[in-house]
């Protein structure tokens, strides 16, 4: 599974299996080792007073938060949709695109949770991802388990990537295994 020239860790698995939780644990492990990380997570948003999911937010590793998608947004603007969710492309771009511009960054590793249908409504995000791949920027990326999105397939087929499929039976051991791979490989040098 491990490759000496890997620059990308891909994490996939069914919805709700714990991909984001896994990535958060990897980030915590790496930050304890004083690694410099940059990137974002995608989080579910629950309604106040209910446990019902109403959308998704994007949260940077620095704690900044922006809207990715909402069910029945109050502003009634026309937005692309995934299922019942309206995607806030501009909000997503405003928060994430500066993180993907790593030319002046001290970051050793870029965290992208996730590359999926909602995120790929942003052509600017897709272009930034393609640039990162060309530059062989060290990445940890979550992707959908099943997808016909060209960029997701390109990530899967890249010779630069190592793919981990998260399951309920392996999700507790993967943070240490992936952290170990990252610290031992050429992904992050220090």
N, C-alpha and C. Protein backbone atom coordinates (compact mmCIF):
# COMPACT_ATOMS: atom_id res chain seq x y z
N UNK A 1 0.83 -1.21 0.00
CA UNK A 1 0.00 0.00 0.00
C UNK A 1 0.86 1.26 0.00
N UNK A 2 2.00 1.19 0.63
CA UNK A 2 2.87 2.34 0.80
C UNK A 2 3.78 2.51 -0.42
N UNK A 3 4.01 3.76 -0.80
CA UNK A 3 4.88 4.03 -1.93
C UNK A 3 5.88 5.11 -1.56
N UNK A 4 7.12 4.92 -1.91
CA UNK A 4 8.16 5.88 -1.54
C UNK A 4 7.98 7.23 -2.20
N UNK A 5 7.28 7.27 -3.33
CA UNK A 5 7.11 8.56 -4.01
C UNK A 5 5.69 9.10 -3.87
N UNK A 6 4.95 8.61 -2.89
CA UNK A 6 3.58 9.09 -2.68
C UNK A 6 3.59 10.54 -2.23
N UNK A 7 2.70 11.30 -2.80
CA UNK A 7 2.50 12.67 -2.32
C UNK A 7 1.06 12.86 -1.88
N UNK A 8 0.26 11.80 -1.92
CA UNK A 8 -1.15 11.97 -1.63
C UNK A 8 -1.72 10.74 -0.92
N UNK A 9 -2.40 11.01 0.20
CA UNK A 9 -3.15 9.98 0.91
C UNK A 9 -4.62 10.23 0.58
N UNK A 10 -5.30 9.23 0.03
CA UNK A 10 -6.73 9.31 -0.25
C UNK A 10 -7.46 8.48 0.79
N UNK A 11 -8.54 9.04 1.29
CA UNK A 11 -9.36 8.35 2.28
C UNK A 11 -10.78 8.28 1.74
N UNK A 12 -11.31 7.06 1.67
CA UNK A 12 -12.66 6.87 1.15
C UNK A 12 -13.42 5.92 2.07
N UNK A 13 -14.69 5.78 1.81
CA UNK A 13 -15.54 4.90 2.60
C UNK A 13 -16.98 5.37 2.50
N UNK A 14 -17.91 4.58 3.00
CA UNK A 14 -19.32 4.95 2.90
C UNK A 14 -19.64 6.17 3.75
N UNK A 15 -20.71 6.89 3.40
CA UNK A 15 -21.11 8.05 4.22
C UNK A 15 -21.34 7.63 5.68
N UNK A 16 -20.84 8.47 6.60
CA UNK A 16 -21.07 8.24 8.01
C UNK A 16 -20.13 7.25 8.68
N UNK A 17 -19.14 6.73 7.94
CA UNK A 17 -18.23 5.73 8.52
C UNK A 17 -17.16 6.37 9.41
N UNK A 18 -16.92 7.67 9.24
CA UNK A 18 -15.94 8.36 10.08
C UNK A 18 -14.73 8.89 9.35
N UNK A 19 -14.88 9.25 8.07
CA UNK A 19 -13.74 9.77 7.30
C UNK A 19 -13.23 11.08 7.89
N UNK A 20 -14.14 11.99 8.18
CA UNK A 20 -13.73 13.29 8.73
C UNK A 20 -13.12 13.11 10.12
N UNK A 21 -13.71 12.26 10.93
CA UNK A 21 -13.15 11.99 12.26
C UNK A 21 -11.74 11.44 12.13
N UNK A 22 -11.53 10.54 11.19
CA UNK A 22 -10.20 9.97 10.94
C UNK A 22 -9.21 11.08 10.56
N UNK A 23 -9.60 11.94 9.65
CA UNK A 23 -8.70 13.01 9.21
C UNK A 23 -8.39 13.96 10.37
N UNK A 24 -9.37 14.25 11.20
CA UNK A 24 -9.12 15.10 12.38
C UNK A 24 -8.08 14.45 13.31
N UNK A 25 -8.19 13.14 13.50
CA UNK A 25 -7.23 12.44 14.37
C UNK A 25 -5.83 12.47 13.75
N UNK A 26 -5.75 12.28 12.44
CA UNK A 26 -4.44 12.35 11.76
C UNK A 26 -3.84 13.75 11.95
N UNK A 27 -4.66 14.77 11.76
CA UNK A 27 -4.18 16.15 11.94
C UNK A 27 -3.67 16.37 13.35
N UNK A 28 -4.43 15.91 14.33
CA UNK A 28 -4.03 16.05 15.73
C UNK A 28 -2.69 15.35 15.98
N UNK A 29 -2.55 14.12 15.47
CA UNK A 29 -1.30 13.38 15.63
C UNK A 29 -0.12 14.14 15.01
N UNK A 30 -0.34 14.67 13.81
CA UNK A 30 0.74 15.38 13.12
C UNK A 30 1.08 16.70 13.80
N UNK A 31 0.06 17.39 14.31
CA UNK A 31 0.32 18.65 15.01
C UNK A 31 1.09 18.41 16.31
N UNK A 32 0.83 17.27 16.96
CA UNK A 32 1.61 16.90 18.14
C UNK A 32 3.08 16.70 17.79
N UNK A 33 3.34 16.31 16.55
CA UNK A 33 4.72 16.13 16.06
C UNK A 33 5.26 17.42 15.45
N UNK A 34 4.54 18.52 15.70
CA UNK A 34 4.93 19.86 15.25
C UNK A 34 4.98 20.00 13.74
N UNK A 35 4.11 19.29 13.06
CA UNK A 35 3.99 19.43 11.61
C UNK A 35 3.10 20.64 11.32
N UNK A 36 3.38 21.31 10.22
CA UNK A 36 2.61 22.50 9.83
C UNK A 36 1.60 22.07 8.78
N UNK A 37 0.33 22.19 9.13
CA UNK A 37 -0.76 21.75 8.26
C UNK A 37 -1.63 22.92 7.86
N UNK A 38 -2.30 22.75 6.76
CA UNK A 38 -3.22 23.75 6.23
C UNK A 38 -4.35 22.99 5.56
N UNK A 39 -5.56 23.55 5.58
CA UNK A 39 -6.65 22.89 4.88
C UNK A 39 -7.99 23.08 5.54
N UNK A 40 -8.92 22.15 5.22
CA UNK A 40 -10.30 22.29 5.73
C UNK A 40 -10.98 20.94 5.89
N UNK A 41 -12.01 20.98 6.73
CA UNK A 41 -12.90 19.85 6.97
C UNK A 41 -14.30 20.24 6.49
N UNK A 42 -15.09 19.24 6.17
CA UNK A 42 -16.51 19.44 5.89
C UNK A 42 -17.28 18.84 7.06
N UNK A 43 -18.17 19.63 7.67
CA UNK A 43 -18.93 19.17 8.83
C UNK A 43 -20.42 19.24 8.56
N UNK A 44 -21.14 18.28 9.11
CA UNK A 44 -22.60 18.34 9.07
C UNK A 44 -23.08 19.46 9.99
N UNK A 45 -24.20 20.08 9.61
CA UNK A 45 -24.82 21.09 10.46
C UNK A 45 -26.20 20.57 10.85
N UNK A 46 -26.49 20.58 12.13
CA UNK A 46 -27.77 20.11 12.65
C UNK A 46 -28.64 21.30 13.05
N UNK A 47 -29.95 21.14 12.88
CA UNK A 47 -30.88 22.20 13.25
C UNK A 47 -30.90 22.42 14.75
N UNK A 48 -31.15 23.68 15.16
CA UNK A 48 -31.21 24.00 16.58
C UNK A 48 -32.40 23.29 17.20
N UNK A 49 -32.13 22.61 18.31
CA UNK A 49 -33.19 21.91 19.01
C UNK A 49 -33.61 20.60 18.37
N UNK A 50 -33.02 20.27 17.22
CA UNK A 50 -33.33 18.99 16.58
C UNK A 50 -32.02 18.30 16.28
N UNK A 51 -32.10 17.07 15.95
CA UNK A 51 -30.89 16.36 15.55
C UNK A 51 -30.90 16.15 14.04
N UNK A 52 -31.73 16.91 13.35
CA UNK A 52 -31.88 16.74 11.91
C UNK A 52 -30.82 17.54 11.15
N UNK A 53 -30.18 16.88 10.18
CA UNK A 53 -29.16 17.55 9.37
C UNK A 53 -29.83 18.56 8.46
N UNK A 54 -29.30 19.79 8.48
CA UNK A 54 -29.84 20.86 7.63
C UNK A 54 -28.84 21.34 6.59
N UNK A 55 -27.60 20.81 6.67
CA UNK A 55 -26.61 21.24 5.70
C UNK A 55 -25.20 20.85 6.10
N UNK A 56 -24.26 21.54 5.46
CA UNK A 56 -22.84 21.27 5.68
C UNK A 56 -22.08 22.59 5.73
N UNK A 57 -21.08 22.65 6.58
CA UNK A 57 -20.19 23.79 6.65
C UNK A 57 -18.78 23.34 6.28
N UNK A 58 -17.97 24.30 5.89
CA UNK A 58 -16.55 24.09 5.67
C UNK A 58 -15.85 24.78 6.84
N UNK A 59 -14.92 24.07 7.47
CA UNK A 59 -14.20 24.61 8.62
C UNK A 59 -12.71 24.45 8.37
N UNK A 60 -11.98 25.56 8.43
CA UNK A 60 -10.53 25.50 8.21
C UNK A 60 -9.84 24.93 9.45
N UNK A 61 -8.62 24.48 9.27
CA UNK A 61 -7.85 23.99 10.41
C UNK A 61 -7.60 25.10 11.42
N UNK A 62 -7.69 26.36 10.96
CA UNK A 62 -7.54 27.51 11.86
C UNK A 62 -8.85 27.88 12.55
N UNK A 63 -9.95 27.18 12.21
CA UNK A 63 -11.22 27.40 12.89
C UNK A 63 -12.20 28.33 12.20
N UNK A 64 -11.84 28.87 11.02
CA UNK A 64 -12.80 29.71 10.29
C UNK A 64 -13.87 28.82 9.68
N UNK A 65 -15.11 29.31 9.67
CA UNK A 65 -16.24 28.51 9.23
C UNK A 65 -16.99 29.23 8.12
N UNK A 66 -17.45 28.46 7.13
CA UNK A 66 -18.26 29.00 6.04
C UNK A 66 -19.32 27.98 5.63
N UNK A 67 -20.34 28.46 4.96
CA UNK A 67 -21.42 27.59 4.52
C UNK A 67 -21.01 26.86 3.24
N UNK A 68 -21.21 25.56 3.21
CA UNK A 68 -21.06 24.78 1.99
C UNK A 68 -22.43 24.52 1.37
N UNK A 69 -23.38 24.07 2.17
CA UNK A 69 -24.70 23.75 1.63
C UNK A 69 -25.75 23.84 2.73
N UNK A 70 -26.97 24.18 2.32
CA UNK A 70 -28.10 24.24 3.24
C UNK A 70 -29.34 23.71 2.55
N UNK A 71 -30.19 23.13 3.37
CA UNK A 71 -31.51 22.71 2.94
C UNK A 71 -32.40 23.95 3.06
N UNK A 72 -33.13 24.28 2.01
CA UNK A 72 -34.06 25.42 2.02
C UNK A 72 -33.44 26.72 2.54
N UNK A 73 -32.42 27.25 1.85
CA UNK A 73 -31.82 28.51 2.33
C UNK A 73 -32.82 29.65 2.27
N UNK A 74 -32.72 30.55 3.24
CA UNK A 74 -33.69 31.64 3.39
C UNK A 74 -33.60 32.68 2.29
N UNK A 75 -32.46 32.80 1.60
CA UNK A 75 -32.30 33.89 0.64
C UNK A 75 -32.92 33.60 -0.74
N UNK A 76 -33.33 32.37 -0.99
CA UNK A 76 -33.99 31.98 -2.25
C UNK A 76 -33.19 32.27 -3.52
N UNK A 77 -31.88 32.41 -3.40
CA UNK A 77 -31.05 32.58 -4.60
C UNK A 77 -30.94 31.24 -5.32
N UNK A 78 -30.80 31.31 -6.64
CA UNK A 78 -30.63 30.07 -7.42
C UNK A 78 -29.20 29.58 -7.23
N UNK A 79 -29.11 28.35 -6.75
CA UNK A 79 -27.80 27.73 -6.51
C UNK A 79 -27.85 26.31 -7.04
N UNK A 80 -26.69 25.76 -7.38
CA UNK A 80 -26.67 24.34 -7.76
C UNK A 80 -27.11 23.50 -6.57
N UNK A 81 -27.68 22.33 -6.87
CA UNK A 81 -28.19 21.48 -5.79
C UNK A 81 -27.60 20.08 -5.87
N UNK A 82 -27.44 19.49 -4.71
CA UNK A 82 -27.14 18.07 -4.56
C UNK A 82 -28.22 17.54 -3.64
N UNK A 83 -29.12 16.74 -4.22
CA UNK A 83 -30.27 16.27 -3.45
C UNK A 83 -31.10 17.46 -2.99
N UNK A 84 -31.35 17.53 -1.70
CA UNK A 84 -32.17 18.61 -1.15
C UNK A 84 -31.33 19.82 -0.71
N UNK A 85 -30.03 19.77 -0.93
CA UNK A 85 -29.13 20.82 -0.45
C UNK A 85 -28.72 21.78 -1.56
N UNK A 86 -28.84 23.07 -1.27
CA UNK A 86 -28.34 24.12 -2.17
C UNK A 86 -26.89 24.39 -1.81
N UNK A 87 -26.03 24.43 -2.82
CA UNK A 87 -24.59 24.58 -2.59
C UNK A 87 -24.20 26.06 -2.71
N UNK A 88 -23.53 26.56 -1.69
CA UNK A 88 -23.08 27.95 -1.61
C UNK A 88 -21.67 28.04 -2.19
N UNK A 89 -21.58 28.03 -3.51
CA UNK A 89 -20.29 27.94 -4.19
C UNK A 89 -19.39 29.11 -3.81
N UNK A 90 -19.91 30.33 -3.82
CA UNK A 90 -19.07 31.50 -3.52
C UNK A 90 -18.53 31.46 -2.10
N UNK A 91 -19.35 31.11 -1.14
CA UNK A 91 -18.89 31.01 0.25
C UNK A 91 -17.78 29.96 0.38
N UNK A 92 -17.99 28.82 -0.29
CA UNK A 92 -17.01 27.74 -0.28
C UNK A 92 -15.69 28.23 -0.88
N UNK A 93 -15.76 28.88 -2.03
CA UNK A 93 -14.54 29.37 -2.69
C UNK A 93 -13.82 30.41 -1.83
N UNK A 94 -14.59 31.33 -1.25
CA UNK A 94 -13.97 32.39 -0.44
C UNK A 94 -13.14 31.82 0.70
N UNK A 95 -13.60 30.73 1.28
CA UNK A 95 -12.90 30.15 2.42
C UNK A 95 -11.78 29.19 2.01
N UNK A 96 -12.02 28.37 0.98
CA UNK A 96 -11.06 27.30 0.66
C UNK A 96 -9.98 27.67 -0.34
N UNK A 97 -10.30 28.49 -1.32
CA UNK A 97 -9.30 28.76 -2.37
C UNK A 97 -8.01 29.38 -1.83
N UNK A 98 -8.07 30.31 -0.86
CA UNK A 98 -6.80 30.81 -0.33
C UNK A 98 -5.95 29.71 0.33
N UNK A 99 -6.60 28.69 0.89
CA UNK A 99 -5.87 27.59 1.52
C UNK A 99 -5.14 26.73 0.49
N UNK A 100 -5.69 26.66 -0.73
CA UNK A 100 -5.11 25.83 -1.77
C UNK A 100 -3.97 26.53 -2.52
N UNK A 101 -3.79 27.81 -2.26
CA UNK A 101 -2.71 28.56 -2.87
C UNK A 101 -1.50 28.46 -1.94
N UNK A 102 -0.70 27.43 -2.15
CA UNK A 102 0.37 27.11 -1.19
C UNK A 102 1.74 27.68 -1.55
N UNK A 103 1.82 28.50 -2.59
CA UNK A 103 3.14 28.96 -3.04
C UNK A 103 3.91 29.74 -1.98
N UNK A 104 3.22 30.49 -1.13
CA UNK A 104 3.90 31.26 -0.08
C UNK A 104 3.66 30.67 1.31
N UNK A 105 3.17 29.46 1.35
CA UNK A 105 2.80 28.85 2.62
C UNK A 105 3.97 28.10 3.23
N UNK A 106 4.00 28.03 4.55
CA UNK A 106 4.99 27.22 5.26
C UNK A 106 4.45 25.81 5.49
N UNK A 107 3.24 25.56 5.07
CA UNK A 107 2.58 24.28 5.31
C UNK A 107 3.35 23.12 4.69
N UNK A 108 3.42 22.02 5.44
CA UNK A 108 4.08 20.81 4.95
C UNK A 108 3.09 19.85 4.31
N UNK A 109 1.81 19.99 4.66
CA UNK A 109 0.79 19.05 4.21
C UNK A 109 -0.54 19.77 4.12
N UNK A 110 -1.26 19.51 3.04
CA UNK A 110 -2.56 20.14 2.81
C UNK A 110 -3.66 19.11 3.04
N UNK A 111 -4.64 19.47 3.86
CA UNK A 111 -5.77 18.60 4.21
C UNK A 111 -7.00 19.08 3.45
N UNK A 112 -7.63 18.18 2.69
CA UNK A 112 -8.82 18.54 1.91
C UNK A 112 -9.91 17.50 2.18
N UNK A 113 -10.88 17.89 3.02
CA UNK A 113 -11.99 17.03 3.37
C UNK A 113 -13.27 17.71 2.89
N UNK A 114 -13.74 17.54 1.71
CA UNK A 114 -13.52 16.47 0.80
C UNK A 114 -13.58 16.98 -0.62
N UNK A 115 -13.31 16.10 -1.57
CA UNK A 115 -13.51 16.41 -2.98
C UNK A 115 -14.70 15.56 -3.42
N UNK A 116 -15.86 16.20 -3.55
CA UNK A 116 -17.09 15.51 -3.93
C UNK A 116 -17.97 16.39 -4.79
N UNK A 117 -19.21 15.97 -4.98
CA UNK A 117 -20.13 16.69 -5.88
C UNK A 117 -20.30 18.15 -5.50
N UNK A 118 -20.53 18.40 -4.21
CA UNK A 118 -20.78 19.79 -3.78
C UNK A 118 -19.57 20.67 -4.07
N UNK A 119 -18.41 20.21 -3.67
CA UNK A 119 -17.18 20.99 -3.84
C UNK A 119 -16.86 21.22 -5.31
N UNK A 120 -17.18 20.24 -6.14
CA UNK A 120 -16.81 20.34 -7.56
C UNK A 120 -17.80 21.17 -8.38
N UNK A 121 -18.82 21.74 -7.74
CA UNK A 121 -19.59 22.77 -8.43
C UNK A 121 -18.73 24.01 -8.63
N UNK A 122 -17.66 24.11 -7.87
CA UNK A 122 -16.71 25.21 -8.03
C UNK A 122 -15.65 24.80 -9.05
N UNK A 123 -15.70 25.40 -10.21
CA UNK A 123 -14.69 25.13 -11.23
C UNK A 123 -13.34 25.68 -10.79
N UNK A 124 -13.34 26.74 -10.00
CA UNK A 124 -12.09 27.31 -9.50
C UNK A 124 -11.42 26.34 -8.51
N UNK A 125 -12.23 25.67 -7.68
CA UNK A 125 -11.71 24.67 -6.76
C UNK A 125 -11.11 23.50 -7.56
N UNK A 126 -11.83 23.04 -8.57
CA UNK A 126 -11.35 21.94 -9.41
C UNK A 126 -10.02 22.31 -10.07
N UNK A 127 -9.93 23.53 -10.57
CA UNK A 127 -8.70 24.00 -11.20
C UNK A 127 -7.55 24.06 -10.18
N UNK A 128 -7.84 24.55 -8.98
CA UNK A 128 -6.82 24.62 -7.93
C UNK A 128 -6.34 23.22 -7.55
N UNK A 129 -7.26 22.27 -7.49
CA UNK A 129 -6.88 20.88 -7.20
C UNK A 129 -5.96 20.33 -8.29
N UNK A 130 -6.31 20.59 -9.54
CA UNK A 130 -5.46 20.13 -10.65
C UNK A 130 -4.06 20.73 -10.56
N UNK A 131 -3.97 22.01 -10.17
CA UNK A 131 -2.66 22.64 -10.00
C UNK A 131 -1.86 21.98 -8.90
N UNK A 132 -2.52 21.63 -7.79
CA UNK A 132 -1.84 20.96 -6.69
C UNK A 132 -1.29 19.60 -7.14
N UNK A 133 -2.06 18.90 -7.95
CA UNK A 133 -1.62 17.60 -8.45
C UNK A 133 -0.41 17.74 -9.36
N UNK A 134 -0.43 18.75 -10.21
CA UNK A 134 0.72 18.98 -11.11
C UNK A 134 1.98 19.30 -10.33
N UNK A 135 1.82 20.05 -9.23
CA UNK A 135 2.98 20.45 -8.41
C UNK A 135 3.39 19.36 -7.44
N UNK A 136 2.61 18.27 -7.39
CA UNK A 136 2.87 17.17 -6.45
C UNK A 136 2.90 17.66 -5.01
N UNK A 137 1.97 18.55 -4.68
CA UNK A 137 1.82 19.06 -3.33
C UNK A 137 1.39 17.92 -2.40
N UNK A 138 2.04 17.74 -1.26
CA UNK A 138 1.62 16.69 -0.33
C UNK A 138 0.19 16.93 0.18
N UNK A 139 -0.66 15.91 0.02
CA UNK A 139 -2.09 16.04 0.31
C UNK A 139 -2.62 14.87 1.11
N UNK A 140 -3.62 15.15 1.95
CA UNK A 140 -4.52 14.16 2.50
C UNK A 140 -5.91 14.59 2.04
N UNK A 141 -6.59 13.71 1.29
CA UNK A 141 -7.85 14.07 0.65
C UNK A 141 -8.89 12.99 0.92
N UNK A 142 -10.10 13.40 1.32
CA UNK A 142 -11.19 12.43 1.38
C UNK A 142 -11.99 12.52 0.09
N UNK A 143 -12.41 11.35 -0.37
CA UNK A 143 -13.19 11.26 -1.61
C UNK A 143 -14.38 10.32 -1.39
N UNK A 144 -15.44 10.50 -2.18
CA UNK A 144 -16.58 9.58 -2.06
C UNK A 144 -16.18 8.16 -2.45
N UNK A 145 -16.84 7.21 -1.81
CA UNK A 145 -16.56 5.80 -2.12
C UNK A 145 -16.99 5.46 -3.55
N UNK A 146 -18.15 5.97 -3.93
CA UNK A 146 -18.66 5.74 -5.28
C UNK A 146 -18.82 7.08 -5.95
N UNK A 147 -18.20 7.22 -7.12
CA UNK A 147 -18.25 8.51 -7.80
C UNK A 147 -17.90 8.31 -9.27
N UNK A 148 -18.54 9.10 -10.10
CA UNK A 148 -18.16 9.14 -11.51
C UNK A 148 -17.60 10.52 -11.87
N UNK A 149 -17.17 11.25 -10.84
CA UNK A 149 -16.60 12.58 -11.06
C UNK A 149 -15.18 12.44 -11.62
N UNK A 150 -14.88 13.09 -12.75
CA UNK A 150 -13.56 12.93 -13.37
C UNK A 150 -12.39 13.22 -12.44
N UNK A 151 -12.46 14.28 -11.63
CA UNK A 151 -11.34 14.60 -10.75
C UNK A 151 -11.15 13.52 -9.68
N UNK A 152 -12.24 13.00 -9.16
CA UNK A 152 -12.14 11.93 -8.16
C UNK A 152 -11.48 10.70 -8.78
N UNK A 153 -11.87 10.37 -9.99
CA UNK A 153 -11.26 9.22 -10.66
C UNK A 153 -9.78 9.47 -10.96
N UNK A 154 -9.45 10.70 -11.32
CA UNK A 154 -8.05 11.06 -11.55
C UNK A 154 -7.24 10.88 -10.26
N UNK A 155 -7.79 11.30 -9.13
CA UNK A 155 -7.12 11.13 -7.85
C UNK A 155 -6.89 9.65 -7.55
N UNK A 156 -7.95 8.85 -7.74
CA UNK A 156 -7.87 7.41 -7.47
C UNK A 156 -6.79 6.73 -8.30
N UNK A 157 -6.67 7.12 -9.56
CA UNK A 157 -5.76 6.44 -10.49
C UNK A 157 -4.34 7.00 -10.47
N UNK A 158 -4.11 8.05 -9.72
CA UNK A 158 -2.79 8.67 -9.68
C UNK A 158 -1.75 7.73 -9.08
N UNK A 159 -0.61 7.67 -9.73
CA UNK A 159 0.49 6.86 -9.21
C UNK A 159 1.08 7.48 -7.94
N UNK A 160 0.72 8.71 -7.68
CA UNK A 160 1.21 9.44 -6.50
C UNK A 160 0.39 9.16 -5.26
N UNK A 161 -0.72 8.40 -5.38
CA UNK A 161 -1.65 8.26 -4.26
C UNK A 161 -1.59 6.90 -3.59
N UNK A 162 -1.92 6.90 -2.30
CA UNK A 162 -2.13 5.70 -1.51
C UNK A 162 -3.58 5.80 -1.02
N UNK A 163 -4.38 4.78 -1.31
CA UNK A 163 -5.81 4.80 -1.00
C UNK A 163 -6.10 3.96 0.23
N UNK A 164 -6.82 4.56 1.17
CA UNK A 164 -7.31 3.86 2.35
C UNK A 164 -8.83 3.87 2.32
N UNK A 165 -9.43 2.69 2.50
CA UNK A 165 -10.88 2.60 2.61
C UNK A 165 -11.22 2.42 4.09
N UNK A 166 -11.99 3.35 4.63
CA UNK A 166 -12.37 3.34 6.04
C UNK A 166 -13.59 2.44 6.22
N UNK A 167 -13.50 1.55 7.19
CA UNK A 167 -14.63 0.71 7.59
C UNK A 167 -14.78 0.81 9.10
N UNK A 168 -15.89 0.33 9.62
CA UNK A 168 -16.07 0.34 11.07
C UNK A 168 -15.03 -0.52 11.77
N UNK A 169 -14.55 -1.54 11.09
CA UNK A 169 -13.58 -2.44 11.73
C UNK A 169 -12.15 -1.92 11.69
N UNK A 170 -11.81 -1.00 10.77
CA UNK A 170 -10.42 -0.53 10.71
C UNK A 170 -10.24 0.93 11.10
N UNK A 171 -11.33 1.65 11.33
CA UNK A 171 -11.21 3.10 11.52
C UNK A 171 -10.45 3.52 12.78
N UNK A 172 -10.40 2.64 13.80
CA UNK A 172 -9.68 3.01 15.02
C UNK A 172 -8.18 2.83 14.90
N UNK A 173 -7.72 1.93 14.03
CA UNK A 173 -6.28 1.72 13.87
C UNK A 173 -5.69 2.61 12.76
N UNK A 174 -6.53 3.13 11.87
CA UNK A 174 -6.01 3.91 10.73
C UNK A 174 -5.32 5.22 11.12
N UNK A 175 -5.77 5.96 12.14
CA UNK A 175 -5.05 7.21 12.43
C UNK A 175 -3.56 7.01 12.67
N UNK A 176 -3.21 6.02 13.46
CA UNK A 176 -1.78 5.76 13.74
C UNK A 176 -1.06 5.27 12.49
N UNK A 177 -1.72 4.38 11.73
CA UNK A 177 -1.09 3.82 10.53
C UNK A 177 -0.82 4.91 9.49
N UNK A 178 -1.80 5.77 9.26
CA UNK A 178 -1.63 6.83 8.25
C UNK A 178 -0.65 7.89 8.74
N UNK A 179 -0.72 8.24 10.02
CA UNK A 179 0.23 9.21 10.57
C UNK A 179 1.65 8.68 10.40
N UNK A 180 1.84 7.41 10.68
CA UNK A 180 3.15 6.78 10.54
C UNK A 180 3.64 6.84 9.09
N UNK A 181 2.76 6.51 8.16
CA UNK A 181 3.12 6.58 6.74
C UNK A 181 3.54 8.00 6.36
N UNK A 182 2.76 8.98 6.79
CA UNK A 182 3.06 10.37 6.44
C UNK A 182 4.41 10.79 7.01
N UNK A 183 4.66 10.47 8.27
CA UNK A 183 5.91 10.92 8.89
C UNK A 183 7.13 10.16 8.36
N UNK A 184 6.96 8.93 7.90
CA UNK A 184 8.08 8.15 7.38
C UNK A 184 8.34 8.38 5.89
N UNK A 185 7.30 8.80 5.18
CA UNK A 185 7.43 8.91 3.73
C UNK A 185 7.95 10.28 3.32
N UNK A 186 7.99 10.48 2.05
CA UNK A 186 8.38 11.77 1.50
C UNK A 186 7.25 12.78 1.52
N UNK A 187 6.08 12.37 2.02
CA UNK A 187 4.96 13.31 2.10
C UNK A 187 5.36 14.54 2.89
N UNK A 188 5.94 14.32 4.04
CA UNK A 188 6.32 15.44 4.91
C UNK A 188 7.76 15.22 5.33
N UNK A 189 8.61 16.14 4.96
CA UNK A 189 10.01 16.04 5.37
C UNK A 189 10.34 17.15 6.33
N UNK A 190 11.10 16.83 7.31
CA UNK A 190 11.50 17.86 8.29
C UNK A 190 12.80 17.46 8.92
